[in-house]
Amino acid sequence: MSRKTVSRLVVTVSAVLGVANALSIGTKLAAYHVPLSLIVSCAMACLATTVWVVGTLVDLLGSTTYRCADPDCAFTVRVRRSDAAENRRWQETAAEHPTHLYRA
């Protein structure tokens, strides 16, 4: 599968899950006679949150993270869709990033 196809699939799946979640929340709220304006706003918030969570999970699972070896350092690099040479370059950058030079 090409990257474009995978991207479209992720967007489609996240939208379908978001709509299902929004409809579920909307019907549960309607059973309690909540005003329509509140139902719509809650459903839209659930839709947006679901789409965001699915997108974030896909990004986390499809990327490589490099961290500084120093336990006191918070330097991290997250790389997506890169070749071996670029991965190696970012790994070296995380090991010897510039902020280590300024520590006393």
PDB file of N, CA and C in Angstrom:
ATOM      1  N   MET A   1       0.834  -1.179   0.000  1.00  0.00           N
ATOM      2  CA  MET A   1       0.000   0.000   0.000  1.00  0.00           C
ATOM      3  C   MET A   1       0.883   1.247   0.000  1.00  0.00           C
ATOM      4  N   SER A   2       0.452   2.241  -0.697  1.00  0.00           N
ATOM      5  CA  SER A   2       1.213   3.482  -0.726  1.00  0.00           C
ATOM      6  C   SER A   2       0.898   4.315   0.524  1.00  0.00           C
ATOM      7  N   ARG A   3       1.737   5.299   0.773  1.00  0.00           N
ATOM      8  CA  ARG A   3       1.533   6.165   1.940  1.00  0.00           C
ATOM      9  C   ARG A   3       0.232   6.944   1.836  1.00  0.00           C
ATOM     10  N   LYS A   4      -0.098   7.334   0.615  1.00  0.00           N
ATOM     11  CA  LYS A   4      -1.332   8.091   0.403  1.00  0.00           C
ATOM     12  C   LYS A   4      -2.554   7.231   0.729  1.00  0.00           C
ATOM     13  N   THR A   5      -2.515   5.961   0.348  1.00  0.00           N
ATOM     14  CA  THR A   5      -3.614   5.047   0.633  1.00  0.00           C
ATOM     15  C   THR A   5      -3.742   4.815   2.124  1.00  0.00           C
ATOM     16  N   VAL A   6      -2.616   4.627   2.794  1.00  0.00           N
ATOM     17  CA  VAL A   6      -2.637   4.419   4.243  1.00  0.00           C
ATOM     18  C   VAL A   6      -3.171   5.657   4.940  1.00  0.00           C
ATOM     19  N   SER A   7      -2.746   6.824   4.492  1.00  0.00           N
ATOM     20  CA  SER A   7      -3.223   8.071   5.091  1.00  0.00           C
ATOM     21  C   SER A   7      -4.734   8.214   4.928  1.00  0.00           C
ATOM     22  N   ARG A   8      -5.233   7.912   3.750  1.00  0.00           N
ATOM     23  CA  ARG A   8      -6.684   7.983   3.514  1.00  0.00           C
ATOM     24  C   ARG A   8      -7.430   6.969   4.368  1.00  0.00           C
ATOM     25  N   LEU A   9      -6.855   5.787   4.533  1.00  0.00           N
ATOM     26  CA  LEU A   9      -7.477   4.752   5.352  1.00  0.00           C
ATOM     27  C   LEU A   9      -7.549   5.185   6.813  1.00  0.00           C
ATOM     28  N   VAL A  10      -6.485   5.774   7.314  1.00  0.00           N
ATOM     29  CA  VAL A  10      -6.462   6.243   8.700  1.00  0.00           C
ATOM     30  C   VAL A  10      -7.505   7.338   8.907  1.00  0.00           C
ATOM     31  N   VAL A  11      -7.596   8.275   7.987  1.00  0.00           N
ATOM     32  CA  VAL A  11      -8.577   9.355   8.097  1.00  0.00           C
ATOM     33  C   VAL A  11      -9.994   8.786   8.057  1.00  0.00           C
ATOM     34  N   THR A  12     -10.236   7.846   7.165  1.00  0.00           N
ATOM     35  CA  THR A  12     -11.564   7.245   7.049  1.00  0.00           C
ATOM     36  C   THR A  12     -11.942   6.485   8.312  1.00  0.00           C
ATOM     37  N   VAL A  13     -11.019   5.674   8.816  1.00  0.00           N
ATOM     38  CA  VAL A  13     -11.302   4.899  10.029  1.00  0.00           C
ATOM     39  C   VAL A  13     -11.531   5.823  11.215  1.00  0.00           C
ATOM     40  N   SER A  14     -10.707   6.852  11.352  1.00  0.00           N
ATOM     41  CA  SER A  14     -10.884   7.764  12.485  1.00  0.00           C
ATOM     42  C   SER A  14     -12.204   8.519  12.375  1.00  0.00           C
ATOM     43  N   ALA A  15     -12.596   8.896  11.173  1.00  0.00           N
ATOM     44  CA  ALA A  15     -13.882   9.578  10.995  1.00  0.00           C
ATOM     45  C   ALA A  15     -15.049   8.656  11.326  1.00  0.00           C
ATOM     46  N   VAL A  16     -14.983   7.405  10.891  1.00  0.00           N
ATOM     47  CA  VAL A  16     -16.064   6.452  11.174  1.00  0.00           C
ATOM     48  C   VAL A  16     -16.162   6.200  12.678  1.00  0.00           C
ATOM     49  N   LEU A  17     -15.014   6.000  13.331  1.00  0.00           N
ATOM     50  CA  LEU A  17     -15.037   5.802  14.779  1.00  0.00           C
ATOM     51  C   LEU A  17     -15.555   7.040  15.508  1.00  0.00           C
ATOM     52  N   GLY A  18     -15.162   8.217  15.027  1.00  0.00           N
ATOM     53  CA  GLY A  18     -15.627   9.453  15.638  1.00  0.00           C
ATOM     54  C   GLY A  18     -17.120   9.644  15.497  1.00  0.00           C
ATOM     55  N   VAL A  19     -17.653   9.355  14.327  1.00  0.00           N
ATOM     56  CA  VAL A  19     -19.099   9.486  14.107  1.00  0.00           C
ATOM     57  C   VAL A  19     -19.861   8.483  14.968  1.00  0.00           C
ATOM     58  N   ALA A  20     -19.349   7.253  15.062  1.00  0.00           N
ATOM     59  CA  ALA A  20     -20.004   6.247  15.907  1.00  0.00           C
ATOM     60  C   ALA A  20     -20.004   6.687  17.371  1.00  0.00           C
ATOM     61  N   ASN A  21     -18.886   7.226  17.821  1.00  0.00           N
ATOM     62  CA  ASN A  21     -18.798   7.714  19.200  1.00  0.00           C
ATOM     63  C   ASN A  21     -19.745   8.892  19.420  1.00  0.00           C
ATOM     64  N   ALA A  22     -19.783   9.815  18.474  1.00  0.00           N
ATOM     65  CA  ALA A  22     -20.660  10.976  18.598  1.00  0.00           C
ATOM     66  C   ALA A  22     -22.135  10.569  18.610  1.00  0.00           C
ATOM     67  N   LEU A  23     -22.516   9.634  17.740  1.00  0.00           N
ATOM     68  CA  LEU A  23     -23.908   9.168  17.730  1.00  0.00           C
ATOM     69  C   LEU A  23     -24.272   8.453  19.024  1.00  0.00           C
ATOM     70  N   SER A  24     -23.342   7.685  19.552  1.00  0.00           N
ATOM     71  CA  SER A  24     -23.585   6.985  20.809  1.00  0.00           C
ATOM     72  C   SER A  24     -23.821   7.972  21.947  1.00  0.00           C
ATOM     73  N   ILE A  25     -22.958   8.966  22.047  1.00  0.00           N
ATOM     74  CA  ILE A  25     -23.113   9.975  23.096  1.00  0.00           C
ATOM     75  C   ILE A  25     -24.393  10.788  22.875  1.00  0.00           C
ATOM     76  N   GLY A  26     -24.676  11.130  21.627  1.00  0.00           N
ATOM     77  CA  GLY A  26     -25.876  11.905  21.317  1.00  0.00           C
ATOM     78  C   GLY A  26     -27.159  11.189  21.691  1.00  0.00           C
ATOM     79  N   THR A  27     -27.230   9.906  21.397  1.00  0.00           N
ATOM     80  CA  THR A  27     -28.451   9.156  21.738  1.00  0.00           C
ATOM     81  C   THR A  27     -28.594   8.979  23.245  1.00  0.00           C
ATOM     82  N   LYS A  28     -27.477   8.806  23.937  1.00  0.00           N
ATOM     83  CA  LYS A  28     -27.557   8.681  25.400  1.00  0.00           C
ATOM     84  C   LYS A  28     -28.017   9.992  26.038  1.00  0.00           C
ATOM     85  N   LEU A  29     -27.530  11.107  25.516  1.00  0.00           N
ATOM     86  CA  LEU A  29     -27.955  12.403  26.053  1.00  0.00           C
ATOM     87  C   LEU A  29     -29.413  12.703  25.701  1.00  0.00           C
ATOM     88  N   ALA A  30     -29.832  12.309  24.513  1.00  0.00           N
ATOM     89  CA  ALA A  30     -31.223  12.554  24.107  1.00  0.00           C
ATOM     90  C   ALA A  30     -32.199  11.801  25.004  1.00  0.00           C
ATOM     91  N   ALA A  31     -31.786  10.663  25.531  1.00  0.00           N
ATOM     92  CA  ALA A  31     -32.661   9.902  26.421  1.00  0.00           C
ATOM     93  C   ALA A  31     -32.952  10.661  27.711  1.00  0.00           C
ATOM     94  N   TYR A  32     -32.077  11.576  28.075  1.00  0.00           N
ATOM     95  CA  TYR A  32     -32.276  12.388  29.281  1.00  0.00           C
ATOM     96  C   TYR A  32     -32.877  13.760  28.970  1.00  0.00           C
ATOM     97  N   HIS A  33     -33.374  13.946  27.751  1.00  0.00           N
ATOM     98  CA  HIS A  33     -34.032  15.180  27.316  1.00  0.00           C
ATOM     99  C   HIS A  33     -33.118  16.399  27.441  1.00  0.00           C
ATOM    100  N   VAL A  34     -31.865  16.210  27.070  1.00  0.00           N
ATOM    101  CA  VAL A  34     -30.899  17.308  27.038  1.00  0.00           C
ATOM    102  C   VAL A  34     -31.221  18.154  25.807  1.00  0.00           C
ATOM    103  N   PRO A  35     -31.098  19.485  25.908  1.00  0.00           N
ATOM    104  CA  PRO A  35     -31.389  20.338  24.744  1.00  0.00           C
ATOM    105  C   PRO A  35     -30.499  19.990  23.542  1.00  0.00           C
ATOM    106  N   LEU A  36     -31.045  20.184  22.368  1.00  0.00           N
ATOM    107  CA  LEU A  36     -30.364  19.802  21.131  1.00  0.00           C
ATOM    108  C   LEU A  36     -29.033  20.519  20.967  1.00  0.00           C
ATOM    109  N   SER A  37     -28.961  21.779  21.359  1.00  0.00           N
ATOM    110  CA  SER A  37     -27.698  22.512  21.207  1.00  0.00           C
ATOM    111  C   SER A  37     -26.585  21.875  22.041  1.00  0.00           C
ATOM    112  N   LEU A  38     -26.897  21.384  23.220  1.00  0.00           N
ATOM    113  CA  LEU A  38     -25.893  20.714  24.046  1.00  0.00           C
ATOM    114  C   LEU A  38     -25.530  19.337  23.491  1.00  0.00           C
ATOM    115  N   ILE A  39     -26.512  18.654  22.946  1.00  0.00           N
ATOM    116  CA  ILE A  39     -26.239  17.344  22.348  1.00  0.00           C
ATOM    117  C   ILE A  39     -25.286  17.500  21.172  1.00  0.00           C
ATOM    118  N   VAL A  40     -25.560  18.490  20.321  1.00  0.00           N
ATOM    119  CA  VAL A  40     -24.707  18.709  19.147  1.00  0.00           C
ATOM    120  C   VAL A  40     -23.299  19.093  19.571  1.00  0.00           C
ATOM    121  N   SER A  41     -23.164  19.978  20.553  1.00  0.00           N
ATOM    122  CA  SER A  41     -21.825  20.390  20.966  1.00  0.00           C
ATOM    123  C   SER A  41     -21.063  19.241  21.613  1.00  0.00           C
ATOM    124  N   CYS A  42     -21.720  18.428  22.414  1.00  0.00           N
ATOM    125  CA  CYS A  42     -21.049  17.269  23.026  1.00  0.00           C
ATOM    126  C   CYS A  42     -20.676  16.234  21.967  1.00  0.00           C
ATOM    127  N   ALA A  43     -21.561  16.015  21.009  1.00  0.00           N
ATOM    128  CA  ALA A  43     -21.274  15.048  19.953  1.00  0.00           C
ATOM    129  C   ALA A  43     -20.101  15.509  19.092  1.00  0.00           C
ATOM    130  N   MET A  44     -20.061  16.798  18.781  1.00  0.00           N
ATOM    131  CA  MET A  44     -18.938  17.315  17.983  1.00  0.00           C
ATOM    132  C   MET A  44     -17.625  17.227  18.756  1.00  0.00           C
ATOM    133  N   ALA A  45     -17.679  17.470  20.061  1.00  0.00           N
ATOM    134  CA  ALA A  45     -16.475  17.352  20.881  1.00  0.00           C
ATOM    135  C   ALA A  45     -15.988  15.901  20.919  1.00  0.00           C
ATOM    136  N   CYS A  46     -16.911  14.965  21.014  1.00  0.00           N
ATOM    137  CA  CYS A  46     -16.533  13.542  21.005  1.00  0.00           C
ATOM    138  C   CYS A  46     -15.960  13.142  19.649  1.00  0.00           C
ATOM    139  N   LEU A  47     -16.535  13.652  18.582  1.00  0.00           N
ATOM    140  CA  LEU A  47     -16.025  13.381  17.240  1.00  0.00           C
ATOM    141  C   LEU A  47     -14.594  13.897  17.097  1.00  0.00           C
ATOM    142  N   ALA A  48     -14.375  15.134  17.486  1.00  0.00           N
ATOM    143  CA  ALA A  48     -13.042  15.735  17.361  1.00  0.00           C
ATOM    144  C   ALA A  48     -12.020  15.006  18.228  1.00  0.00           C
ATOM    145  N   THR A  49     -12.406  14.652  19.429  1.00  0.00           N
ATOM    146  CA  THR A  49     -11.482  13.947  20.321  1.00  0.00           C
ATOM    147  C   THR A  49     -11.124  12.580  19.780  1.00  0.00           C
ATOM    148  N   THR A  50     -12.088  11.867  19.263  1.00  0.00           N
ATOM    149  CA  THR A  50     -11.815  10.538  18.715  1.00  0.00           C
ATOM    150  C   THR A  50     -10.885  10.617  17.514  1.00  0.00           C
ATOM    151  N   VAL A  51     -11.125  11.556  16.625  1.00  0.00           N
ATOM    152  CA  VAL A  51     -10.261  11.721  15.451  1.00  0.00           C
ATOM    153  C   VAL A  51      -8.847  12.087  15.890  1.00  0.00           C
ATOM    154  N   TRP A  52      -8.723  12.971  16.877  1.00  0.00           N
ATOM    155  CA  TRP A  52      -7.402  13.368  17.369  1.00  0.00           C
ATOM    156  C   TRP A  52      -6.667  12.193  18.017  1.00  0.00           C
ATOM    157  N   VAL A  53      -7.369  11.407  18.835  1.00  0.00           N
ATOM    158  CA  VAL A  53      -6.734  10.266  19.510  1.00  0.00           C
ATOM    159  C   VAL A  53      -6.258   9.231  18.492  1.00  0.00           C
ATOM    160  N   VAL A  54      -7.074   8.921  17.514  1.00  0.00           N
ATOM    161  CA  VAL A  54      -6.670   7.946  16.493  1.00  0.00           C
ATOM    162  C   VAL A  54      -5.452   8.464  15.720  1.00  0.00           C
ATOM    163  N   GLY A  55      -5.467   9.731  15.348  1.00  0.00           N
ATOM    164  CA  GLY A  55      -4.323  10.306  14.642  1.00  0.00           C
ATOM    165  C   GLY A  55      -3.055  10.297  15.472  1.00  0.00           C
ATOM    166  N   THR A  56      -3.175  10.615  16.746  1.00  0.00           N
ATOM    167  CA  THR A  56      -2.011  10.603  17.637  1.00  0.00           C
ATOM    168  C   THR A  56      -1.461   9.195  17.814  1.00  0.00           C
ATOM    169  N   LEU A  57      -2.330   8.220  17.973  1.00  0.00           N
ATOM    170  CA  LEU A  57      -1.873   6.832  18.114  1.00  0.00           C
ATOM    171  C   LEU A  57      -1.168   6.345  16.851  1.00  0.00           C
ATOM    172  N   VAL A  58      -1.696   6.688  15.708  1.00  0.00           N
ATOM    173  CA  VAL A  58      -1.060   6.286  14.454  1.00  0.00           C
ATOM    174  C   VAL A  58       0.314   6.935  14.330  1.00  0.00           C
ATOM    175  N   ASP A  59       0.417   8.211  14.708  1.00  0.00           N
ATOM    176  CA  ASP A  59       1.711   8.894  14.670  1.00  0.00           C
ATOM    177  C   ASP A  59       2.709   8.254  15.629  1.00  0.00           C
ATOM    178  N   LEU A  60       2.253   7.912  16.827  1.00  0.00           N
ATOM    179  CA  LEU A  60       3.153   7.301  17.804  1.00  0.00           C
ATOM    180  C   LEU A  60       3.621   5.919  17.372  1.00  0.00           C
ATOM    181  N   LEU A  61       2.717   5.147  16.794  1.00  0.00           N
ATOM    182  CA  LEU A  61       3.075   3.791  16.380  1.00  0.00           C
ATOM    183  C   LEU A  61       3.907   3.777  15.107  1.00  0.00           C
ATOM    184  N   GLY A  62       3.798   4.820  14.299  1.00  0.00           N
ATOM    185  CA  GLY A  62       4.515   4.842  13.031  1.00  0.00           C
ATOM    186  C   GLY A  62       5.790   5.661  13.050  1.00  0.00           C
ATOM    187  N   SER A  63       6.282   5.999  14.234  1.00  0.00           N
ATOM    188  CA  SER A  63       7.486   6.819  14.291  1.00  0.00           C
ATOM    189  C   SER A  63       8.522   6.186  15.213  1.00  0.00           C
ATOM    190  N   THR A  64       9.746   6.654  15.064  1.00  0.00           N
ATOM    191  CA  THR A  64      10.849   6.215  15.901  1.00  0.00           C
ATOM    192  C   THR A  64      11.281   7.393  16.759  1.00  0.00           C
ATOM    193  N   THR A  65      11.492   7.147  18.048  1.00  0.00           N
ATOM    194  CA  THR A  65      11.883   8.210  18.964  1.00  0.00           C
ATOM    195  C   THR A  65      13.303   7.969  19.443  1.00  0.00           C
ATOM    196  N   TYR A  66      14.112   9.018  19.370  1.00  0.00           N
ATOM    197  CA  TYR A  66      15.474   8.970  19.887  1.00  0.00           C
ATOM    198  C   TYR A  66      15.563   9.929  21.056  1.00  0.00           C
ATOM    199  N   ARG A  67      16.182   9.451  22.151  1.00  0.00           N
ATOM    200  CA  ARG A  67      16.330  10.269  23.351  1.00  0.00           C
ATOM    201  C   ARG A  67      17.797  10.409  23.709  1.00  0.00           C
ATOM    202  N   CYS A  68      18.079  11.460  24.435  1.00  0.00           N
ATOM    203  CA  CYS A  68      19.436  11.669  24.937  1.00  0.00           C
ATOM    204  C   CYS A  68      19.730  10.592  25.988  1.00  0.00           C
ATOM    205  N   ALA A  69      20.971  10.143  26.025  1.00  0.00           N
ATOM    206  CA  ALA A  69      21.368   9.087  26.964  1.00  0.00           C
ATOM    207  C   ALA A  69      21.459   9.602  28.396  1.00  0.00           C
ATOM    208  N   ASP A  70      21.617  10.918  28.576  1.00  0.00           N
ATOM    209  CA  ASP A  70      21.711  11.506  29.903  1.00  0.00           C
ATOM    210  C   ASP A  70      20.337  11.463  30.571  1.00  0.00           C
ATOM    211  N   PRO A  71      20.219  10.860  31.775  1.00  0.00           N
ATOM    212  CA  PRO A  71      18.901  10.753  32.410  1.00  0.00           C
ATOM    213  C   PRO A  71      18.303  12.099  32.834  1.00  0.00           C
ATOM    214  N   ASP A  72      19.135  13.132  32.991  1.00  0.00           N
ATOM    215  CA  ASP A  72      18.633  14.442  33.384  1.00  0.00           C
ATOM    216  C   ASP A  72      18.201  15.297  32.195  1.00  0.00           C
ATOM    217  N   CYS A  73      18.438  14.817  31.005  1.00  0.00           N
ATOM    218  CA  CYS A  73      18.155  15.589  29.800  1.00  0.00           C
ATOM    219  C   CYS A  73      16.811  15.164  29.197  1.00  0.00           C
ATOM    220  N   ALA A  74      16.049  16.144  28.753  1.00  0.00           N
ATOM    221  CA  ALA A  74      14.723  15.868  28.185  1.00  0.00           C
ATOM    222  C   ALA A  74      14.714  15.970  26.658  1.00  0.00           C
ATOM    223  N   PHE A  75      15.875  15.967  26.026  1.00  0.00           N
ATOM    224  CA  PHE A  75      15.952  16.110  24.573  1.00  0.00           C
ATOM    225  C   PHE A  75      15.444  14.840  23.892  1.00  0.00           C
ATOM    226  N   THR A  76      14.453  14.973  23.024  1.00  0.00           N
ATOM    227  CA  THR A  76      13.927  13.848  22.253  1.00  0.00           C
ATOM    228  C   THR A  76      13.693  14.283  20.812  1.00  0.00           C
ATOM    229  N   VAL A  77      13.787  13.301  19.921  1.00  0.00           N
ATOM    230  CA  VAL A  77      13.520  13.525  18.511  1.00  0.00           C
ATOM    231  C   VAL A  77      12.604  12.404  18.044  1.00  0.00           C
ATOM    232  N   ARG A  78      11.504  12.753  17.377  1.00  0.00           N
ATOM    233  CA  ARG A  78      10.598  11.756  16.822  1.00  0.00           C
ATOM    234  C   ARG A  78      10.672  11.849  15.301  1.00  0.00           C
ATOM    235  N   VAL A  79      11.015  10.722  14.654  1.00  0.00           N
ATOM    236  CA  VAL A  79      11.244  10.694  13.214  1.00  0.00           C
ATOM    237  C   VAL A  79      10.213   9.761  12.578  1.00  0.00           C
ATOM    238  N   ARG A  80       9.617  10.236  11.472  1.00  0.00           N
ATOM    239  CA  ARG A  80       8.665   9.421  10.703  1.00  0.00           C
ATOM    240  C   ARG A  80       9.121   9.318   9.271  1.00  0.00           C
ATOM    241  N   ARG A  81       8.895   8.177   8.685  1.00  0.00           N
ATOM    242  CA  ARG A  81       9.136   7.945   7.255  1.00  0.00           C
ATOM    243  C   ARG A  81      10.523   8.397   6.805  1.00  0.00           C
ATOM    244  N   SER A  82      11.542   7.826   7.386  1.00  0.00           N
ATOM    245  CA  SER A  82      12.901   8.197   7.008  1.00  0.00           C
ATOM    246  C   SER A  82      13.703   6.947   6.673  1.00  0.00           C
ATOM    247  N   ASP A  83      14.770   7.159   5.926  1.00  0.00           N
ATOM    248  CA  ASP A  83      15.618   6.028   5.545  1.00  0.00           C
ATOM    249  C   ASP A  83      16.653   5.768   6.645  1.00  0.00           C
ATOM    250  N   ALA A  84      17.483   4.755   6.442  1.00  0.00           N
ATOM    251  CA  ALA A  84      18.449   4.332   7.455  1.00  0.00           C
ATOM    252  C   ALA A  84      19.487   5.421   7.750  1.00  0.00           C
ATOM    253  N   ALA A  85      19.942   6.132   6.724  1.00  0.00           N
ATOM    254  CA  ALA A  85      20.950   7.173   6.932  1.00  0.00           C
ATOM    255  C   ALA A  85      20.388   8.319   7.776  1.00  0.00           C
ATOM    256  N   GLU A  86      19.168   8.708   7.505  1.00  0.00           N
ATOM    257  CA  GLU A  86      18.570   9.790   8.284  1.00  0.00           C
ATOM    258  C   GLU A  86      18.302   9.348   9.718  1.00  0.00           C
ATOM    259  N   ASN A  87      17.868   8.104   9.892  1.00  0.00           N
ATOM    260  CA  ASN A  87      17.677   7.580  11.245  1.00  0.00           C
ATOM    261  C   ASN A  87      18.982   7.607  12.033  1.00  0.00           C
ATOM    262  N   ARG A  88      20.063   7.192  11.382  1.00  0.00           N
ATOM    263  CA  ARG A  88      21.379   7.196  12.042  1.00  0.00           C
ATOM    264  C   ARG A  88      21.807   8.618  12.392  1.00  0.00           C
ATOM    265  N   ARG A  89      21.555   9.568  11.525  1.00  0.00           N
ATOM    266  CA  ARG A  89      21.920  10.959  11.783  1.00  0.00           C
ATOM    267  C   ARG A  89      21.160  11.505  12.993  1.00  0.00           C
ATOM    268  N   TRP A  90      19.878  11.213  13.102  1.00  0.00           N
ATOM    269  CA  TRP A  90      19.100  11.685  14.242  1.00  0.00           C
ATOM    270  C   TRP A  90      19.510  10.968  15.528  1.00  0.00           C
ATOM    271  N   GLN A  91      19.902   9.722  15.412  1.00  0.00           N
ATOM    272  CA  GLN A  91      20.382   8.986  16.596  1.00  0.00           C
ATOM    273  C   GLN A  91      21.666   9.629  17.132  1.00  0.00           C
ATOM    274  N   GLU A  92      22.568  10.002  16.226  1.00  0.00           N
ATOM    275  CA  GLU A  92      23.799  10.673  16.635  1.00  0.00           C
ATOM    276  C   GLU A  92      23.518  12.066  17.190  1.00  0.00           C
ATOM    277  N   THR A  93      22.553  12.763  16.605  1.00  0.00           N
ATOM    278  CA  THR A  93      22.186  14.091  17.093  1.00  0.00           C
ATOM    279  C   THR A  93      21.626  14.014  18.508  1.00  0.00           C
ATOM    280  N   ALA A  94      20.809  13.015  18.779  1.00  0.00           N
ATOM    281  CA  ALA A  94      20.254  12.857  20.126  1.00  0.00           C
ATOM    282  C   ALA A  94      21.341  12.524  21.137  1.00  0.00           C
ATOM    283  N   ALA A  95      22.351  11.794  20.711  1.00  0.00           N
ATOM    284  CA  ALA A  95      23.438  11.436  21.629  1.00  0.00           C
ATOM    285  C   ALA A  95      24.330  12.637  21.942  1.00  0.00           C
ATOM    286  N   GLU A  96      24.567  13.504  20.991  1.00  0.00           N
ATOM    287  CA  GLU A  96      25.457  14.657  21.175  1.00  0.00           C
ATOM    288  C   GLU A  96      24.793  15.939  20.696  1.00  0.00           C
ATOM    289  N   HIS A  97      23.702  16.312  21.288  1.00  0.00           N
ATOM    290  CA  HIS A  97      23.019  17.532  20.876  1.00  0.00           C
ATOM    291  C   HIS A  97      23.680  18.759  21.503  1.00  0.00           C
ATOM    292  N   PRO A  98      23.457  19.943  20.944  1.00  0.00           N
ATOM    293  CA  PRO A  98      24.186  21.155  21.343  1.00  0.00           C
ATOM    294  C   PRO A  98      23.999  21.587  22.794  1.00  0.00           C
ATOM    295  N   THR A  99      22.884  21.280  23.435  1.00  0.00           N
ATOM    296  CA  THR A  99      22.690  21.765  24.800  1.00  0.00           C
ATOM    297  C   THR A  99      23.662  21.131  25.784  1.00  0.00           C
ATOM    298  N   HIS A 100      24.257  20.004  25.438  1.00  0.00           N
ATOM    299  CA  HIS A 100      25.289  19.415  26.310  1.00  0.00           C
ATOM    300  C   HIS A 100      26.529  20.297  26.372  1.00  0.00           C
ATOM    301  N   LEU A 101      26.782  21.054  25.332  1.00  0.00           N
ATOM    302  CA  LEU A 101      27.966  21.904  25.312  1.00  0.00           C
ATOM    303  C   LEU A 101      27.851  23.082  26.274  1.00  0.00           C
ATOM    304  N   TYR A 102      26.629  23.485  26.599  1.00  0.00           N
ATOM    305  CA  TYR A 102      26.432  24.672  27.438  1.00  0.00           C
ATOM    306  C   TYR A 102      26.279  24.341  28.908  1.00  0.00           C
ATOM    307  N   ARG A 103      26.273  23.072  29.268  1.00  0.00           N
ATOM    308  CA  ARG A 103      26.149  22.697  30.665  1.00  0.00           C
ATOM    309  C   ARG A 103      27.482  22.873  31.374  1.00  0.00           C
ATOM    310  N   ALA A 104      27.398  23.268  32.606  1.00  0.00           N
ATOM    311  CA  ALA A 104      28.635  23.430  33.379  1.00  0.00           C
ATOM    312  C   ALA A 104      28.783  22.331  34.398  1.00  0.00           C
TER     313      ALA A 104
END
